[in-house]
Amino acid sequence: MIHVIGDIFIEESDIQEEFVRSGGPGGQHVNKVSTAVQLRFDIVGSRLPQEAKKKLIGLGGRRVTEEGVLIISSRETRSRGMNRAEALEKLLGLIRKALERPVKRIKTRPSFAAKLKRVDLKKATGGIKKMRKKVKVEE
């Protein structure tokens, strides 16, 4: 069990990881070892709350397959363990973000003084614009 946040955990069996060859510099060593990791998390089959699943699919974007599997890859370092830890942290970050509840907006009303100030500003601006107009000269 991997602790996400609060009382929410994800099963280690919900996560499959596959190590693939990573591109970039590394000399002869890079051709021998598979250090990049692809983490696959089954969103649909997980025990996350339904709302969090929907939000996680939206947050995943193109990384979510049609079957509802989130694919996260990491190839930053030349170490398998560090890439694995980084990919897991990316996954946990996305899940935590999906579990956040949006803050409910509290409706506010402008005060009477604020309304008066706004109207006075509008009148002043209108006066300035009136002054820009050409004046007709009567002959």
N, C-alpha and C. Protein backbone atom coordinates (compact mmCIF):
# COMPACT_ATOMS: atom_id res chain seq x y z
N MET A 1 0.84 -1.19 0.00
CA MET A 1 0.00 0.00 0.00
C MET A 1 0.88 1.25 0.00
N ILE A 2 0.56 2.18 -0.87
CA ILE A 2 1.30 3.44 -0.95
C ILE A 2 0.39 4.55 -0.44
N HIS A 3 0.87 5.28 0.55
CA HIS A 3 0.08 6.36 1.15
C HIS A 3 0.07 7.56 0.21
N VAL A 4 -1.13 8.06 -0.10
CA VAL A 4 -1.27 9.22 -0.98
C VAL A 4 -1.47 10.47 -0.14
N ILE A 5 -2.61 10.53 0.54
CA ILE A 5 -2.92 11.68 1.38
C ILE A 5 -4.04 11.27 2.34
N GLY A 6 -3.95 11.73 3.57
CA GLY A 6 -4.99 11.42 4.55
C GLY A 6 -5.17 9.93 4.72
N ASP A 7 -6.40 9.45 4.50
CA ASP A 7 -6.68 8.03 4.66
C ASP A 7 -6.78 7.31 3.32
N ILE A 8 -6.20 7.91 2.27
CA ILE A 8 -6.28 7.32 0.94
C ILE A 8 -4.95 6.67 0.58
N PHE A 9 -5.06 5.40 0.18
CA PHE A 9 -3.91 4.61 -0.21
C PHE A 9 -4.17 4.02 -1.59
N ILE A 10 -3.10 3.70 -2.32
CA ILE A 10 -3.26 2.98 -3.58
C ILE A 10 -2.50 1.66 -3.47
N GLU A 11 -3.05 0.66 -4.11
CA GLU A 11 -2.43 -0.67 -4.09
C GLU A 11 -1.20 -0.67 -4.99
N GLU A 12 -0.16 -1.35 -4.57
CA GLU A 12 1.02 -1.48 -5.41
C GLU A 12 0.72 -2.33 -6.64
N SER A 13 -0.30 -3.18 -6.54
CA SER A 13 -0.67 -4.02 -7.68
C SER A 13 -1.36 -3.22 -8.78
N ASP A 14 -1.86 -2.00 -8.45
CA ASP A 14 -2.47 -1.13 -9.46
C ASP A 14 -1.43 -0.45 -10.34
N ILE A 15 -0.17 -0.53 -9.92
CA ILE A 15 0.92 0.13 -10.66
C ILE A 15 1.80 -0.92 -11.31
N GLN A 16 1.94 -0.82 -12.63
CA GLN A 16 2.89 -1.67 -13.33
C GLN A 16 4.01 -0.77 -13.84
N GLU A 17 5.23 -1.26 -13.74
CA GLU A 17 6.34 -0.47 -14.25
C GLU A 17 7.14 -1.29 -15.23
N GLU A 18 7.61 -0.59 -16.24
CA GLU A 18 8.39 -1.23 -17.30
C GLU A 18 9.61 -0.36 -17.53
N PHE A 19 10.76 -0.98 -17.57
CA PHE A 19 12.00 -0.25 -17.81
C PHE A 19 12.36 -0.36 -19.28
N VAL A 20 12.61 0.78 -19.91
CA VAL A 20 12.95 0.84 -21.33
C VAL A 20 14.26 1.56 -21.51
N ARG A 21 14.83 1.44 -22.69
CA ARG A 21 16.09 2.10 -22.96
C ARG A 21 15.88 3.60 -23.05
N SER A 22 16.79 4.32 -22.46
CA SER A 22 16.71 5.77 -22.44
C SER A 22 17.69 6.34 -23.45
N GLY A 23 17.27 7.36 -24.18
CA GLY A 23 18.15 8.00 -25.15
C GLY A 23 19.09 8.98 -24.49
N GLY A 24 19.87 9.65 -25.27
CA GLY A 24 20.75 10.68 -24.75
C GLY A 24 22.16 10.18 -24.52
N PRO A 25 23.00 11.02 -23.92
CA PRO A 25 24.40 10.67 -23.73
C PRO A 25 24.58 9.56 -22.70
N GLY A 26 25.68 8.88 -22.79
CA GLY A 26 25.95 7.82 -21.83
C GLY A 26 27.00 6.85 -22.32
N GLY A 27 27.49 7.05 -23.53
CA GLY A 27 28.55 6.18 -24.04
C GLY A 27 28.03 4.78 -24.31
N GLN A 28 28.89 3.79 -24.13
CA GLN A 28 28.53 2.41 -24.41
C GLN A 28 27.51 1.88 -23.39
N HIS A 29 27.56 2.43 -22.20
CA HIS A 29 26.69 1.97 -21.11
C HIS A 29 25.21 2.12 -21.46
N VAL A 30 24.87 3.20 -22.17
CA VAL A 30 23.46 3.50 -22.46
C VAL A 30 22.84 2.45 -23.37
N ASN A 31 23.66 1.77 -24.16
CA ASN A 31 23.13 0.75 -25.07
C ASN A 31 22.88 -0.58 -24.37
N LYS A 32 23.39 -0.74 -23.15
CA LYS A 32 23.29 -2.01 -22.45
C LYS A 32 22.16 -2.06 -21.43
N VAL A 33 21.85 -0.91 -20.83
CA VAL A 33 20.90 -0.91 -19.71
C VAL A 33 19.62 -0.14 -20.04
N SER A 34 18.55 -0.59 -19.43
CA SER A 34 17.26 0.09 -19.57
C SER A 34 17.01 0.85 -18.28
N THR A 35 17.21 2.17 -18.31
CA THR A 35 17.07 2.96 -17.09
C THR A 35 15.80 3.79 -17.07
N ALA A 36 15.25 4.10 -18.22
CA ALA A 36 14.01 4.90 -18.24
C ALA A 36 12.86 4.03 -17.77
N VAL A 37 11.93 4.63 -17.05
CA VAL A 37 10.80 3.87 -16.51
C VAL A 37 9.49 4.40 -17.07
N GLN A 38 8.59 3.45 -17.38
CA GLN A 38 7.21 3.80 -17.75
C GLN A 38 6.31 3.20 -16.69
N LEU A 39 5.62 4.07 -15.99
CA LEU A 39 4.73 3.65 -14.91
C LEU A 39 3.31 3.64 -15.46
N ARG A 40 2.59 2.57 -15.25
CA ARG A 40 1.20 2.46 -15.71
C ARG A 40 0.30 2.31 -14.49
N PHE A 41 -0.67 3.24 -14.38
CA PHE A 41 -1.61 3.21 -13.25
C PHE A 41 -3.02 3.08 -13.80
N ASP A 42 -3.71 2.02 -13.40
CA ASP A 42 -5.07 1.77 -13.85
C ASP A 42 -6.03 2.64 -13.03
N ILE A 43 -6.47 3.74 -13.62
CA ILE A 43 -7.35 4.69 -12.91
C ILE A 43 -8.72 4.05 -12.68
N VAL A 44 -9.26 3.43 -13.73
CA VAL A 44 -10.61 2.87 -13.65
C VAL A 44 -10.68 1.75 -12.62
N GLY A 45 -9.66 0.92 -12.54
CA GLY A 45 -9.67 -0.21 -11.62
C GLY A 45 -9.17 0.11 -10.22
N SER A 46 -8.79 1.35 -9.97
CA SER A 46 -8.26 1.72 -8.66
C SER A 46 -9.38 1.95 -7.65
N ARG A 47 -9.00 2.12 -6.39
CA ARG A 47 -9.98 2.33 -5.32
C ARG A 47 -10.16 3.80 -4.99
N LEU A 48 -9.77 4.68 -5.88
CA LEU A 48 -9.94 6.12 -5.65
C LEU A 48 -11.41 6.48 -5.72
N PRO A 49 -11.82 7.58 -5.06
CA PRO A 49 -13.21 8.03 -5.18
C PRO A 49 -13.55 8.37 -6.64
N GLN A 50 -14.81 8.19 -7.01
CA GLN A 50 -15.25 8.39 -8.39
C GLN A 50 -14.92 9.79 -8.91
N GLU A 51 -15.13 10.81 -8.08
CA GLU A 51 -14.84 12.20 -8.50
C GLU A 51 -13.36 12.37 -8.81
N ALA A 52 -12.52 11.76 -7.96
CA ALA A 52 -11.07 11.87 -8.15
C ALA A 52 -10.64 11.16 -9.43
N LYS A 53 -11.30 10.04 -9.76
CA LYS A 53 -10.97 9.32 -10.99
C LYS A 53 -11.25 10.19 -12.21
N LYS A 54 -12.42 10.84 -12.22
CA LYS A 54 -12.78 11.71 -13.35
C LYS A 54 -11.79 12.85 -13.48
N LYS A 55 -11.45 13.47 -12.35
CA LYS A 55 -10.52 14.59 -12.37
C LYS A 55 -9.13 14.15 -12.80
N LEU A 56 -8.72 12.96 -12.36
CA LEU A 56 -7.39 12.44 -12.71
C LEU A 56 -7.30 12.15 -14.21
N ILE A 57 -8.39 11.66 -14.79
CA ILE A 57 -8.41 11.41 -16.24
C ILE A 57 -8.25 12.73 -16.99
N GLY A 58 -8.91 13.79 -16.47
CA GLY A 58 -8.78 15.12 -17.08
C GLY A 58 -7.38 15.68 -16.92
N LEU A 59 -6.79 15.49 -15.74
CA LEU A 59 -5.45 16.00 -15.49
C LEU A 59 -4.40 15.25 -16.31
N GLY A 60 -4.64 13.96 -16.54
CA GLY A 60 -3.68 13.14 -17.28
C GLY A 60 -3.58 13.54 -18.74
N GLY A 61 -4.67 13.99 -19.31
CA GLY A 61 -4.68 14.43 -20.71
C GLY A 61 -4.30 13.32 -21.67
N ARG A 62 -3.28 13.59 -22.49
CA ARG A 62 -2.86 12.62 -23.51
C ARG A 62 -2.18 11.39 -22.90
N ARG A 63 -1.80 11.48 -21.66
CA ARG A 63 -1.10 10.36 -21.02
C ARG A 63 -2.06 9.25 -20.60
N VAL A 64 -3.38 9.48 -20.71
CA VAL A 64 -4.37 8.48 -20.33
C VAL A 64 -4.84 7.76 -21.59
N THR A 65 -4.80 6.42 -21.55
CA THR A 65 -5.25 5.63 -22.71
C THR A 65 -6.77 5.53 -22.71
N GLU A 66 -7.32 4.94 -23.77
CA GLU A 66 -8.77 4.78 -23.88
C GLU A 66 -9.32 3.85 -22.81
N GLU A 67 -8.46 2.94 -22.31
CA GLU A 67 -8.89 2.00 -21.27
C GLU A 67 -8.84 2.62 -19.88
N GLY A 68 -8.36 3.85 -19.78
CA GLY A 68 -8.29 4.52 -18.49
C GLY A 68 -7.01 4.23 -17.73
N VAL A 69 -5.93 3.98 -18.46
CA VAL A 69 -4.63 3.70 -17.84
C VAL A 69 -3.75 4.93 -18.02
N LEU A 70 -3.23 5.44 -16.92
CA LEU A 70 -2.35 6.61 -16.94
C LEU A 70 -0.91 6.13 -17.10
N ILE A 71 -0.21 6.67 -18.11
CA ILE A 71 1.18 6.29 -18.37
C ILE A 71 2.08 7.46 -18.04
N ILE A 72 2.98 7.25 -17.09
CA ILE A 72 3.93 8.29 -16.69
C ILE A 72 5.32 7.75 -16.95
N SER A 73 6.14 8.54 -17.65
CA SER A 73 7.50 8.09 -17.93
C SER A 73 8.50 9.06 -17.31
N SER A 74 9.65 8.50 -16.96
CA SER A 74 10.72 9.31 -16.40
C SER A 74 12.04 8.79 -16.93
N ARG A 75 12.85 9.69 -17.47
CA ARG A 75 14.14 9.31 -18.01
C ARG A 75 15.19 10.38 -17.70
N GLU A 76 14.96 11.12 -16.63
CA GLU A 76 15.83 12.24 -16.29
C GLU A 76 17.24 11.82 -15.88
N THR A 77 17.32 10.78 -15.06
CA THR A 77 18.63 10.40 -14.54
C THR A 77 19.12 9.11 -15.21
N ARG A 78 20.35 8.72 -14.89
CA ARG A 78 20.91 7.49 -15.45
C ARG A 78 20.77 6.34 -14.46
N SER A 79 19.93 6.53 -13.46
CA SER A 79 19.73 5.52 -12.44
C SER A 79 18.29 5.03 -12.47
N ARG A 80 18.13 3.71 -12.47
CA ARG A 80 16.79 3.12 -12.48
C ARG A 80 16.00 3.53 -11.24
N GLY A 81 16.63 3.43 -10.10
CA GLY A 81 15.95 3.74 -8.84
C GLY A 81 15.48 5.17 -8.77
N MET A 82 16.33 6.10 -9.20
CA MET A 82 15.95 7.52 -9.15
C MET A 82 14.83 7.82 -10.14
N ASN A 83 14.88 7.22 -11.34
CA ASN A 83 13.81 7.41 -12.32
C ASN A 83 12.50 6.82 -11.81
N ARG A 84 12.60 5.67 -11.15
CA ARG A 84 11.41 5.02 -10.60
C ARG A 84 10.78 5.90 -9.52
N ALA A 85 11.62 6.43 -8.62
CA ALA A 85 11.11 7.29 -7.54
C ALA A 85 10.50 8.57 -8.11
N GLU A 86 11.12 9.12 -9.14
CA GLU A 86 10.60 10.35 -9.75
C GLU A 86 9.24 10.11 -10.41
N ALA A 87 9.11 9.00 -11.13
CA ALA A 87 7.84 8.67 -11.79
C ALA A 87 6.74 8.45 -10.75
N LEU A 88 7.08 7.77 -9.66
CA LEU A 88 6.10 7.53 -8.60
C LEU A 88 5.66 8.84 -7.95
N GLU A 89 6.61 9.75 -7.77
CA GLU A 89 6.29 11.06 -7.18
C GLU A 89 5.39 11.87 -8.12
N LYS A 90 5.65 11.77 -9.44
CA LYS A 90 4.78 12.44 -10.42
C LYS A 90 3.35 11.90 -10.31
N LEU A 91 3.23 10.57 -10.21
CA LEU A 91 1.92 9.94 -10.09
C LEU A 91 1.20 10.39 -8.82
N LEU A 92 1.91 10.36 -7.69
CA LEU A 92 1.31 10.76 -6.43
C LEU A 92 0.91 12.23 -6.45
N GLY A 93 1.72 13.08 -7.11
CA GLY A 93 1.38 14.50 -7.24
C GLY A 93 0.08 14.70 -8.01
N LEU A 94 -0.07 13.95 -9.12
CA LEU A 94 -1.30 14.04 -9.91
C LEU A 94 -2.51 13.56 -9.11
N ILE A 95 -2.34 12.47 -8.37
CA ILE A 95 -3.46 11.94 -7.58
C ILE A 95 -3.84 12.93 -6.48
N ARG A 96 -2.82 13.52 -5.82
CA ARG A 96 -3.12 14.51 -4.77
C ARG A 96 -3.87 15.71 -5.34
N LYS A 97 -3.46 16.13 -6.54
CA LYS A 97 -4.13 17.27 -7.19
C LYS A 97 -5.57 16.91 -7.54
N ALA A 98 -5.80 15.66 -7.96
CA ALA A 98 -7.15 15.21 -8.30
C ALA A 98 -8.04 15.12 -7.06
N LEU A 99 -7.42 14.86 -5.91
CA LEU A 99 -8.20 14.72 -4.67
C LEU A 99 -8.53 16.05 -4.02
N GLU A 100 -7.88 17.13 -4.47
CA GLU A 100 -8.16 18.45 -3.87
C GLU A 100 -9.57 18.88 -4.21
N ARG A 101 -10.25 19.38 -3.22
CA ARG A 101 -11.59 19.91 -3.46
C ARG A 101 -11.45 21.39 -3.82
N PRO A 102 -12.17 21.85 -4.84
CA PRO A 102 -12.08 23.26 -5.18
C PRO A 102 -12.67 24.13 -4.07
N VAL A 103 -12.03 25.25 -3.81
CA VAL A 103 -12.50 26.17 -2.77
C VAL A 103 -13.78 26.83 -3.27
N LYS A 104 -14.81 26.78 -2.45
CA LYS A 104 -16.08 27.37 -2.84
C LYS A 104 -15.98 28.89 -2.80
N ARG A 105 -16.42 29.52 -3.87
CA ARG A 105 -16.33 30.97 -3.98
C ARG A 105 -17.42 31.61 -3.13
N ILE A 106 -17.04 32.61 -2.37
CA ILE A 106 -17.99 33.34 -1.55
C ILE A 106 -18.37 34.60 -2.31
N LYS A 107 -19.67 34.75 -2.58
CA LYS A 107 -20.14 35.91 -3.32
C LYS A 107 -19.97 37.16 -2.47
N THR A 108 -19.46 38.20 -3.07
CA THR A 108 -19.31 39.48 -2.38
C THR A 108 -20.00 40.57 -3.19
N ARG A 109 -20.40 41.62 -2.50
CA ARG A 109 -21.03 42.75 -3.19
C ARG A 109 -20.19 43.99 -2.96
N PRO A 110 -20.09 44.84 -3.98
CA PRO A 110 -19.33 46.08 -3.77
C PRO A 110 -20.05 46.99 -2.79
N SER A 111 -19.28 47.70 -1.99
CA SER A 111 -19.88 48.61 -1.00
C SER A 111 -20.47 49.82 -1.72
N PHE A 112 -21.29 50.59 -0.99
CA PHE A 112 -21.91 51.79 -1.55
C PHE A 112 -20.84 52.79 -1.96
N ALA A 113 -19.80 52.95 -1.14
CA ALA A 113 -18.72 53.89 -1.44
C ALA A 113 -17.98 53.46 -2.70
N ALA A 114 -17.79 52.15 -2.89
CA ALA A 114 -17.10 51.65 -4.08
C ALA A 114 -17.92 51.93 -5.33
N LYS A 115 -19.26 51.80 -5.20
CA LYS A 115 -20.13 52.09 -6.34
C LYS A 115 -20.05 53.57 -6.71
N LEU A 116 -20.10 54.45 -5.69
CA LEU A 116 -20.00 55.90 -5.95
C LEU A 116 -18.68 56.25 -6.61
N LYS A 117 -17.60 55.66 -6.12
CA LYS A 117 -16.27 55.93 -6.67
C LYS A 117 -16.22 55.53 -8.15
N ARG A 118 -16.81 54.36 -8.47
CA ARG A 118 -16.84 53.88 -9.85
C ARG A 118 -17.61 54.84 -10.75
N VAL A 119 -18.76 55.29 -10.29
CA VAL A 119 -19.57 56.21 -11.08
C VAL A 119 -18.83 57.53 -11.29
N ASP A 120 -18.18 58.06 -10.24
CA ASP A 120 -17.42 59.30 -10.36
C ASP A 120 -16.29 59.15 -11.38
N LEU A 121 -15.60 58.00 -11.36
CA LEU A 121 -14.53 57.75 -12.32
C LEU A 121 -15.06 57.71 -13.74
N LYS A 122 -16.23 57.08 -13.91
CA LYS A 122 -16.83 57.01 -15.24
C LYS A 122 -17.20 58.41 -15.75
N LYS A 123 -17.72 59.24 -14.85
CA LYS A 123 -18.08 60.61 -15.24
C LYS A 123 -16.84 61.40 -15.62
N ALA A 124 -15.78 61.24 -14.86
CA ALA A 124 -14.53 61.96 -15.15
C ALA A 124 -13.97 61.53 -16.50
N THR A 125 -13.98 60.22 -16.76
CA THR A 125 -13.48 59.71 -18.04
C THR A 125 -14.33 60.24 -19.19
N GLY A 126 -15.65 60.25 -19.00
CA GLY A 126 -16.54 60.79 -20.03
C GLY A 126 -16.28 62.26 -20.29
N GLY A 127 -16.01 63.03 -19.22
CA GLY A 127 -15.70 64.45 -19.37
C GLY A 127 -14.43 64.66 -20.17
N ILE A 128 -13.42 63.86 -19.90
CA ILE A 128 -12.15 63.96 -20.63
C ILE A 128 -12.38 63.69 -22.11
N LYS A 129 -13.19 62.68 -22.42
CA LYS A 129 -13.46 62.33 -23.81
C LYS A 129 -14.26 63.43 -24.51
N LYS A 130 -15.17 64.10 -23.78
CA LYS A 130 -15.93 65.21 -24.36
C LYS A 130 -15.01 66.35 -24.75
N MET A 131 -13.97 66.56 -23.95
CA MET A 131 -13.04 67.67 -24.22
C MET A 131 -12.23 67.42 -25.48
N ARG A 132 -12.10 66.15 -25.89
CA ARG A 132 -11.31 65.82 -27.08
C ARG A 132 -12.04 66.15 -28.37
N LYS A 133 -13.38 66.26 -28.31
CA LYS A 133 -14.16 66.50 -29.52
C LYS A 133 -13.85 67.86 -30.11
N LYS A 134 -13.99 67.94 -31.43
CA LYS A 134 -13.78 69.24 -32.09
C LYS A 134 -14.93 70.17 -31.77
N VAL A 135 -14.60 71.41 -31.62
CA VAL A 135 -15.59 72.42 -31.31
C VAL A 135 -16.03 73.07 -32.62
N LYS A 136 -17.35 73.16 -32.83
CA LYS A 136 -17.86 73.79 -34.05
C LYS A 136 -17.76 75.31 -33.89
N VAL A 137 -17.15 75.94 -34.86
CA VAL A 137 -17.05 77.40 -34.85
C VAL A 137 -18.14 77.94 -35.76
N GLU A 138 -19.00 78.77 -35.16
CA GLU A 138 -20.09 79.36 -35.95
C GLU A 138 -19.64 80.67 -36.55
N GLU A 139 -19.95 80.88 -37.82
CA GLU A 139 -19.55 82.11 -38.48
C GLU A 139 -20.71 83.00 -38.78
